[in-house]
Amino acid sequence: MALTPFTKQQLLPQEETLEVTPQKSELFIGIPKETSYQERRICLTPDGVNSLVSHGHRVMIEAGAGLSASYCDKEYSDAGAEITADTKKVMGCPILLKVEPLTMKEIEMVKPSTIVISAIQLKTRKKEYFEALAKKKVTALAFEYIKDEDGSYPAVKSLSEIAGTASILVAAELMINNEFGKGLLFGNITGVAPTEVVILGAGTVGEFAARSALGLGASVKVFDNSITKLRRLQQNLNNRIFTSTIQPKSILKALRRCDVAIGAMRGKDRCPVVVSETMVEHMKRGAVIVDVSIDMGGCFETSEVTTHEKPTFIKHNVIHYCVPNIPSRYSKSASLSISNIITPYLLQIAENGGIEPAIRMDKGLRNGVYMYHGILTNKVIGDWFGLPDSDVNLIVF
């Protein structure tokens, strides 16, 4: 009997195992009008809506939702969106997109098990907000927590880029202020000393503020306590600008000479106050302070929250601009930025067969989930408000 290399068992036909591809799902997205004070942005542009509709999804938008971002209802209608004046109808959609977090009144209109994608703005939330979402068994994702493949936060980075660039444009505007401004042109004119700018913080806001200031020909000094951030800033700008760690003596010296000071510091709970009132008193008459960090308390001791309607105040002969939501001033650019980030994620959720498979497959998207079917899944929020929380990885898998 001839020997065979296979056993009788191995020669028997075997079942073939095939990979089960996820079933694509159709999304029904609702975009209500922003009701929060001074919020002018919208989550999806007409192009974003068109992209979703062409993939077979439905988008319902409340009439007038995009007007403050310079998008009319007709543009959305032409892109394939359904327009309605009925807020309750929009709030009844299975997926809700909002820039600002839902208000308590809006949560009441939401149907159970809705998916909510919005900002969270933890510092302005109350315990009742999370309890109300839990009651409705909502699955909620926060823009600020969604991570990219490289570990960065795309939404935060994008809006920080706008805030950094805008801080310089705002300062340039305020320096020509006829009543109190210095009448200086923000730039480097032949034979005229360049405008001096001090930037506190070398993160994304600081980098884009420095980039804009250098582009206008200003002389820039950046202060930060992280040498790594300062080194990265110089590499990204491809310019050996003045950089220094935060030391009161060197900051005071720079502030005495500067025409513009930009606050771009960040902290875990509250951003550190690095400029005291005494330091502000030593600044030039008519100098400008733009405190981008005001949403986290501000890094100038003299900073007080202002609004887009009345953005400035004068203290110790220095013009202060302390509006917390600077990107909202440039609502169209900010809306484009948010739409570019959120549209691919929505298409990915549909491709994966819904929110559950999507967050199972995408670690970055899973990081954005702070509530899953009414269960709080974010430890920071849980600790902050004294609420019980569970690890999302243990629930989803």
Protein backbone atom coordinates (compact mmCIF):
# COMPACT_ATOMS: atom_id res chain seq x y z
CA MET A 1 0.00 0.00 0.00
CA ALA A 2 1.42 3.37 -1.09
CA LEU A 3 1.96 5.94 1.60
CA THR A 4 0.17 9.28 1.10
CA PRO A 5 1.32 12.57 2.66
CA PHE A 6 -2.25 13.25 3.86
CA THR A 7 -4.49 11.50 6.37
CA LYS A 8 -7.98 10.37 5.40
CA GLN A 9 -9.40 13.25 7.52
CA GLN A 10 -7.32 15.84 5.65
CA LEU A 11 -8.56 14.58 2.29
CA LEU A 12 -12.21 15.16 3.22
CA PRO A 13 -13.75 18.41 1.85
CA GLN A 14 -13.74 21.23 4.38
CA GLU A 15 -16.16 24.14 4.83
CA GLU A 16 -14.79 27.40 3.48
CA THR A 17 -14.86 30.29 5.94
CA LEU A 18 -15.61 33.61 4.34
CA GLU A 19 -15.25 37.03 5.94
CA VAL A 20 -18.62 38.55 6.67
CA THR A 21 -18.58 42.07 5.27
CA PRO A 22 -20.53 44.63 7.30
CA GLN A 23 -23.88 45.62 5.85
CA LYS A 24 -23.87 49.27 4.81
CA SER A 25 -26.43 51.38 6.62
CA GLU A 26 -28.40 54.38 5.48
CA LEU A 27 -28.13 57.43 7.71
CA PHE A 28 -30.89 59.92 8.49
CA ILE A 29 -29.22 63.07 9.81
CA GLY A 30 -30.95 66.07 11.36
CA ILE A 31 -29.32 69.51 11.67
CA PRO A 32 -31.29 71.88 13.91
CA LYS A 33 -30.75 75.64 14.05
CA GLU A 34 -28.11 76.74 16.57
CA THR A 35 -29.81 78.46 19.49
CA SER A 36 -26.75 79.16 21.68
CA TYR A 37 -25.74 82.78 22.13
CA GLN A 38 -23.40 84.04 19.37
CA GLU A 39 -23.13 80.66 17.63
CA ARG A 40 -23.06 81.24 13.87
CA ARG A 41 -21.53 78.01 12.58
CA ILE A 42 -23.18 74.94 11.06
CA CYS A 43 -21.88 71.35 10.99
CA LEU A 44 -22.36 70.59 7.30
CA THR A 45 -21.89 72.79 4.25
CA PRO A 46 -24.04 72.21 1.12
CA ASP A 47 -21.06 70.28 -0.38
CA GLY A 48 -20.97 68.03 2.69
CA VAL A 49 -24.72 67.44 2.39
CA ASN A 50 -24.36 66.69 -1.34
CA SER A 51 -21.65 64.12 -0.59
CA LEU A 52 -23.89 62.33 1.95
CA VAL A 53 -27.03 62.46 -0.20
CA SER A 54 -25.15 61.08 -3.23
CA HIS A 55 -24.20 58.09 -1.04
CA GLY A 56 -27.90 57.42 -0.41
CA HIS A 57 -28.30 59.13 2.98
CA ARG A 58 -31.02 61.57 4.11
CA VAL A 59 -30.27 64.98 5.60
CA MET A 60 -32.96 67.14 7.19
CA ILE A 61 -32.11 70.76 8.01
CA GLU A 62 -34.13 73.29 9.95
CA ALA A 63 -34.98 76.33 7.82
CA GLY A 64 -32.45 79.14 8.25
CA ALA A 65 -29.88 76.94 10.04
CA GLY A 66 -27.05 77.96 7.69
CA LEU A 67 -27.90 81.66 7.19
CA SER A 68 -25.43 83.00 9.76
CA ALA A 69 -22.68 80.97 8.03
CA SER A 70 -23.70 82.53 4.66
CA TYR A 71 -25.50 79.41 3.36
CA CYS A 72 -29.12 79.84 2.30
CA ASP A 73 -31.84 77.16 2.40
CA LYS A 74 -31.89 76.94 -1.42
CA GLU A 75 -28.20 75.89 -1.48
CA TYR A 76 -29.00 73.05 0.94
CA SER A 77 -32.15 72.13 -0.96
CA ASP A 78 -30.20 71.99 -4.25
CA ALA A 79 -27.63 69.77 -2.51
CA GLY A 80 -30.41 67.29 -1.72
CA ALA A 81 -31.34 68.19 1.87
CA GLU A 82 -34.91 68.25 3.14
CA ILE A 83 -35.75 71.66 4.60
CA THR A 84 -38.36 72.05 7.33
CA ALA A 85 -39.41 74.82 9.69
CA ASP A 86 -40.55 72.21 12.24
CA THR A 87 -37.86 71.98 14.95
CA LYS A 88 -39.48 68.90 16.52
CA LYS A 89 -39.30 67.06 13.19
CA VAL A 90 -35.55 67.74 12.91
CA MET A 91 -34.97 66.80 16.57
CA GLY A 92 -36.73 63.50 15.89
CA CYS A 93 -34.02 62.31 13.46
CA PRO A 94 -31.98 59.23 14.55
CA ILE A 95 -28.68 61.15 14.13
CA LEU A 96 -28.35 64.78 15.25
CA LEU A 97 -25.50 67.10 14.27
CA LYS A 98 -24.88 70.30 16.22
CA VAL A 99 -21.96 72.64 16.80
CA GLU A 100 -22.97 73.58 20.35
CA PRO A 101 -24.15 70.95 22.87
CA LEU A 102 -27.90 70.30 23.09
CA THR A 103 -29.86 72.52 25.46
CA MET A 104 -32.10 70.93 28.13
CA LYS A 105 -35.15 71.97 26.08
CA GLU A 106 -33.72 70.24 22.98
CA ILE A 107 -32.91 67.04 24.93
CA GLU A 108 -36.64 66.82 25.80
CA MET A 109 -37.47 66.76 22.06
CA VAL A 110 -34.89 64.07 21.28
CA LYS A 111 -36.18 60.51 20.70
CA PRO A 112 -34.76 57.65 22.81
CA SER A 113 -31.53 56.00 21.50
CA THR A 114 -30.65 58.99 19.28
CA ILE A 115 -27.02 59.49 18.20
CA VAL A 116 -25.83 63.04 18.98
CA ILE A 117 -22.61 64.43 17.49
CA SER A 118 -21.67 67.89 18.78
CA ALA A 119 -19.14 69.80 20.82
CA ILE A 120 -19.31 69.18 24.58
CA GLN A 121 -17.66 72.30 26.10
CA LEU A 122 -17.20 70.56 29.42
CA LYS A 123 -16.56 73.77 31.39
CA THR A 124 -20.09 75.02 30.63
CA ARG A 125 -21.93 71.74 31.24
CA LYS A 126 -23.96 70.84 34.32
CA LYS A 127 -24.60 67.43 35.89
CA GLU A 128 -28.26 67.57 34.76
CA TYR A 129 -27.14 67.62 31.09
CA PHE A 130 -25.55 64.16 31.36
CA GLU A 131 -28.41 62.81 33.49
CA ALA A 132 -30.94 63.97 30.85
CA LEU A 133 -28.95 62.29 28.05
CA ALA A 134 -28.70 59.07 30.10
CA LYS A 135 -32.47 59.08 30.63
CA LYS A 136 -33.01 59.16 26.85
CA LYS A 137 -30.41 56.33 26.33
CA VAL A 138 -28.53 58.66 23.96
CA THR A 139 -25.21 57.74 22.30
CA ALA A 140 -23.18 60.97 22.25
CA LEU A 141 -19.89 61.85 20.56
CA ALA A 142 -17.89 65.03 21.20
CA PHE A 143 -15.92 66.76 18.41
CA GLU A 144 -13.18 67.67 20.90
CA TYR A 145 -12.47 64.05 21.81
CA ILE A 146 -12.37 62.45 18.32
CA LYS A 147 -8.79 61.47 17.51
CA ASP A 148 -6.99 61.18 14.17
CA GLU A 149 -4.65 58.35 13.09
CA ASP A 150 -1.66 60.37 14.36
CA GLY A 151 -3.19 60.81 17.82
CA SER A 152 -4.11 64.50 17.32
CA TYR A 153 -7.59 65.99 17.74
CA PRO A 154 -8.61 67.21 14.24
CA ALA A 155 -11.58 69.41 15.28
CA VAL A 156 -9.66 71.15 18.08
CA LYS A 157 -6.62 71.63 15.81
CA SER A 158 -8.68 73.05 12.96
CA LEU A 159 -10.53 75.58 15.12
CA SER A 160 -7.26 76.49 16.88
CA GLU A 161 -5.75 77.30 13.48
CA ILE A 162 -8.65 79.69 12.81
CA ALA A 163 -8.38 81.25 16.30
CA GLY A 164 -4.61 81.75 15.94
CA THR A 165 -4.83 83.40 12.52
CA ALA A 166 -7.87 85.46 13.58
CA SER A 167 -6.13 86.78 16.73
CA ILE A 168 -3.59 88.60 14.56
CA LEU A 169 -6.24 89.95 12.17
CA VAL A 170 -8.26 91.22 15.17
CA ALA A 171 -5.15 92.88 16.66
CA ALA A 172 -4.34 94.55 13.32
CA GLU A 173 -7.89 95.92 13.25
CA LEU A 174 -7.73 97.20 16.84
CA MET A 175 -4.42 99.02 16.32
CA ILE A 176 -6.05 101.39 13.86
CA ASN A 177 -8.86 102.13 16.33
CA ASN A 178 -9.46 105.88 15.92
CA GLU A 179 -10.54 106.47 19.52
CA PHE A 180 -7.69 104.76 21.33
CA GLY A 181 -5.60 102.68 18.91
CA LYS A 182 -2.02 103.60 18.15
CA GLY A 183 -2.66 104.10 14.44
CA LEU A 184 -0.04 101.51 13.58
CA LEU A 185 -0.01 99.44 10.41
CA PHE A 186 0.58 95.81 11.22
CA GLY A 187 3.61 95.17 9.03
CA ASN A 188 7.17 95.91 8.11
CA ILE A 189 7.39 99.09 6.07
CA THR A 190 10.78 100.23 4.76
CA GLY A 191 12.39 102.62 7.22
CA VAL A 192 9.70 101.96 9.89
CA ALA A 193 10.32 99.69 12.87
CA PRO A 194 8.19 96.50 12.59
CA THR A 195 5.24 95.86 14.91
CA GLU A 196 6.32 93.85 17.97
CA VAL A 197 4.19 90.83 18.89
CA VAL A 198 4.43 88.68 22.01
CA ILE A 199 2.74 85.25 21.90
CA LEU A 200 2.23 83.26 25.10
CA GLY A 201 1.92 79.57 24.24
CA ALA A 202 3.52 77.53 21.43
CA GLY A 203 0.59 75.21 20.62
CA THR A 204 -1.50 75.30 17.43
CA VAL A 205 -3.03 78.72 18.28
CA GLY A 206 0.42 80.17 19.02
CA GLU A 207 1.90 78.66 15.86
CA PHE A 208 -0.78 80.06 13.54
CA ALA A 209 -0.69 83.45 15.28
CA ALA A 210 3.11 83.53 14.77
CA ARG A 211 2.72 82.42 11.14
CA SER A 212 0.23 85.24 10.41
CA ALA A 213 2.27 87.87 12.27
CA LEU A 214 5.45 86.90 10.43
CA GLY A 215 3.55 86.95 7.13
CA LEU A 216 2.61 90.57 7.83
CA GLY A 217 6.24 91.40 8.64
CA ALA A 218 6.01 91.74 12.43
CA SER A 219 8.76 90.95 14.91
CA VAL A 220 7.58 87.90 16.95
CA LYS A 221 8.54 86.58 20.39
CA VAL A 222 7.05 83.30 21.62
CA PHE A 223 7.01 82.12 25.25
CA ASP A 224 6.21 78.60 26.43
CA ASN A 225 7.42 76.30 29.20
CA SER A 226 7.80 73.36 26.81
CA ILE A 227 11.11 73.38 24.93
CA THR A 228 9.74 70.60 22.68
CA LYS A 229 6.79 72.81 21.63
CA LEU A 230 9.10 75.79 21.01
CA ARG A 231 11.44 73.63 18.92
CA ARG A 232 8.53 72.21 16.91
CA LEU A 233 7.16 75.73 16.35
CA GLN A 234 10.49 76.91 14.91
CA GLN A 235 10.69 73.85 12.64
CA ASN A 236 7.10 74.28 11.42
CA LEU A 237 7.62 77.98 10.74
CA ASN A 238 11.04 77.31 9.20
CA ASN A 239 12.15 80.50 10.94
CA ARG A 240 14.49 81.02 13.88
CA ILE A 241 12.26 83.44 15.78
CA PHE A 242 12.83 84.56 19.39
CA THR A 243 11.65 81.86 21.78
CA SER A 244 11.90 81.68 25.56
CA THR A 245 10.61 79.77 28.54
CA ILE A 246 8.12 81.63 30.75
CA GLN A 247 10.04 83.76 33.21
CA PRO A 248 8.39 86.87 34.73
CA LYS A 249 11.47 89.04 34.12
CA SER A 250 11.81 88.19 30.41
CA ILE A 251 8.02 88.41 29.83
CA LEU A 252 7.86 91.84 31.49
CA LYS A 253 10.75 93.06 29.31
CA ALA A 254 8.99 91.82 26.14
CA LEU A 255 5.56 93.21 27.17
CA ARG A 256 7.02 96.68 27.83
CA ARG A 257 8.16 96.88 24.22
CA CYS A 258 5.38 95.04 22.40
CA ASP A 259 2.43 96.48 20.48
CA VAL A 260 0.38 93.26 20.58
CA ALA A 261 0.21 90.42 23.13
CA ILE A 262 -1.59 87.18 22.27
CA GLY A 263 -2.66 84.77 25.05
CA ALA A 264 -2.65 81.20 23.69
CA MET A 265 -1.97 79.13 26.81
CA ARG A 266 -3.77 75.91 27.69
CA GLY A 267 -4.18 74.11 31.01
CA LYS A 268 -5.90 70.98 32.27
CA ASP A 269 -8.71 72.68 34.19
CA ARG A 270 -7.91 76.38 33.99
CA CYS A 271 -5.15 77.95 31.95
CA PRO A 272 -2.31 79.44 34.03
CA VAL A 273 -2.26 83.23 34.59
CA VAL A 274 1.20 84.19 33.36
CA VAL A 275 0.73 87.98 33.06
CA SER A 276 -0.12 89.84 36.25
CA GLU A 277 -2.01 93.14 36.43
CA THR A 278 1.25 94.92 37.31
CA MET A 279 2.82 93.65 34.08
CA VAL A 280 -0.16 94.98 32.07
CA GLU A 281 0.28 98.39 33.77
CA HIS A 282 3.83 98.52 32.33
CA MET A 283 2.61 97.98 28.73
CA LYS A 284 2.54 100.81 26.17
CA ARG A 285 -0.52 103.04 25.97
CA GLY A 286 -2.77 101.75 23.17
CA ALA A 287 -1.18 98.30 23.08
CA VAL A 288 -3.52 95.39 22.27
CA ILE A 289 -4.15 92.18 24.24
CA VAL A 290 -6.01 89.33 22.50
CA ASP A 291 -6.67 86.61 25.06
CA VAL A 292 -7.58 83.51 23.05
CA SER A 293 -7.39 81.45 26.29
CA ILE A 294 -10.37 83.29 27.80
CA ASP A 295 -12.61 80.21 27.35
CA MET A 296 -10.35 78.52 29.92
CA GLY A 297 -10.12 81.51 32.25
CA GLY A 298 -7.56 83.66 30.40
CA CYS A 299 -3.81 83.95 30.88
CA PHE A 300 -3.85 87.72 31.60
CA GLU A 301 -4.96 88.74 35.09
CA THR A 302 -6.85 91.72 33.64
CA SER A 303 -8.91 89.61 31.16
CA GLU A 304 -12.71 89.60 31.42
CA VAL A 305 -15.09 87.78 29.07
CA THR A 306 -16.45 90.01 26.26
CA THR A 307 -18.92 89.39 23.41
CA HIS A 308 -18.83 89.69 19.60
CA GLU A 309 -21.19 92.70 19.93
CA LYS A 310 -18.96 94.50 22.46
CA PRO A 311 -15.61 92.74 22.02
CA THR A 312 -13.20 95.14 23.73
CA PHE A 313 -12.58 97.08 26.91
CA ILE A 314 -9.72 99.32 28.03
CA LYS A 315 -7.83 98.69 31.26
CA HIS A 316 -4.58 100.43 32.28
CA ASN A 317 -4.62 102.13 28.84
CA VAL A 318 -4.40 98.72 27.09
CA ILE A 319 -7.10 97.47 24.68
CA HIS A 320 -8.35 94.02 25.72
CA TYR A 321 -10.13 91.65 23.30
CA CYS A 322 -11.48 88.64 25.24
CA VAL A 323 -14.17 86.94 23.13
CA PRO A 324 -14.38 83.21 23.98
CA ASN A 325 -15.64 81.92 20.63
CA ILE A 326 -13.34 83.59 18.07
CA PRO A 327 -13.91 81.01 15.23
CA SER A 328 -17.64 81.88 15.27
CA ARG A 329 -16.69 85.36 13.99
CA TYR A 330 -15.44 83.62 10.84
CA SER A 331 -18.49 81.36 10.66
CA LYS A 332 -18.15 80.27 7.02
CA SER A 333 -14.47 79.24 7.32
CA ALA A 334 -15.19 77.48 10.63
CA SER A 335 -18.22 75.68 9.15
CA LEU A 336 -16.17 74.50 6.17
CA SER A 337 -13.52 73.25 8.58
CA ILE A 338 -16.02 71.30 10.74
CA SER A 339 -17.81 69.90 7.67
CA ASN A 340 -14.53 68.65 6.18
CA ILE A 341 -13.81 66.74 9.39
CA ILE A 342 -17.29 65.38 10.13
CA THR A 343 -18.41 64.31 6.60
CA PRO A 344 -15.76 61.53 6.15
CA TYR A 345 -16.61 60.20 9.63
CA LEU A 346 -20.33 60.01 8.76
CA LEU A 347 -19.57 58.18 5.51
CA GLN A 348 -17.31 55.81 7.45
CA ILE A 349 -20.06 55.12 10.03
CA ALA A 350 -22.47 54.23 7.17
CA GLU A 351 -19.81 52.09 5.40
CA ASN A 352 -19.17 50.12 8.59
CA GLY A 353 -22.88 49.44 9.06
CA GLY A 354 -23.78 51.90 11.80
CA ILE A 355 -22.33 53.56 14.88
CA GLU A 356 -21.69 50.32 16.84
CA PRO A 357 -19.43 48.61 14.24
CA ALA A 358 -17.80 51.99 13.41
CA ILE A 359 -16.67 52.68 16.98
CA ARG A 360 -15.62 49.05 17.32
CA MET A 361 -13.31 49.38 14.30
CA ASP A 362 -12.08 52.97 14.70
CA LYS A 363 -10.17 53.71 17.90
CA GLY A 364 -10.11 57.47 17.22
CA LEU A 365 -13.88 57.65 16.76
CA ARG A 366 -14.37 55.49 19.86
CA ASN A 367 -12.36 58.07 21.81
CA GLY A 368 -15.05 60.65 20.93
CA VAL A 369 -17.84 58.63 22.58
CA TYR A 370 -18.68 60.02 26.02
CA MET A 371 -22.09 58.37 26.34
CA TYR A 372 -23.09 54.97 24.94
CA HIS A 373 -26.81 54.06 25.07
CA GLY A 374 -27.19 56.21 28.18
CA ILE A 375 -24.04 54.87 29.92
CA LEU A 376 -21.36 57.49 30.67
CA THR A 377 -18.08 56.27 29.15
CA ASN A 378 -15.75 59.18 29.85
CA LYS A 379 -13.74 59.04 33.09
CA VAL A 380 -12.88 62.77 33.06
CA ILE A 381 -16.61 63.69 32.97
CA GLY A 382 -17.40 61.06 35.59
CA ASP A 383 -14.76 62.42 37.98
CA TRP A 384 -15.72 66.05 37.23
CA PHE A 385 -19.41 65.63 38.05
CA GLY A 386 -19.23 62.67 40.44
CA LEU A 387 -21.13 60.38 38.04
CA PRO A 388 -20.54 56.63 37.63
CA ASP A 389 -18.69 55.79 34.40
CA SER A 390 -17.78 52.63 32.47
CA ASP A 391 -14.93 51.89 30.06
CA VAL A 392 -16.31 52.08 26.49
CA ASN A 393 -13.91 49.27 25.41
CA LEU A 394 -15.58 46.87 27.83
CA ILE A 395 -19.10 47.73 26.62
CA VAL A 396 -18.53 47.80 22.85
CA PHE A 397 -16.52 44.58 22.43
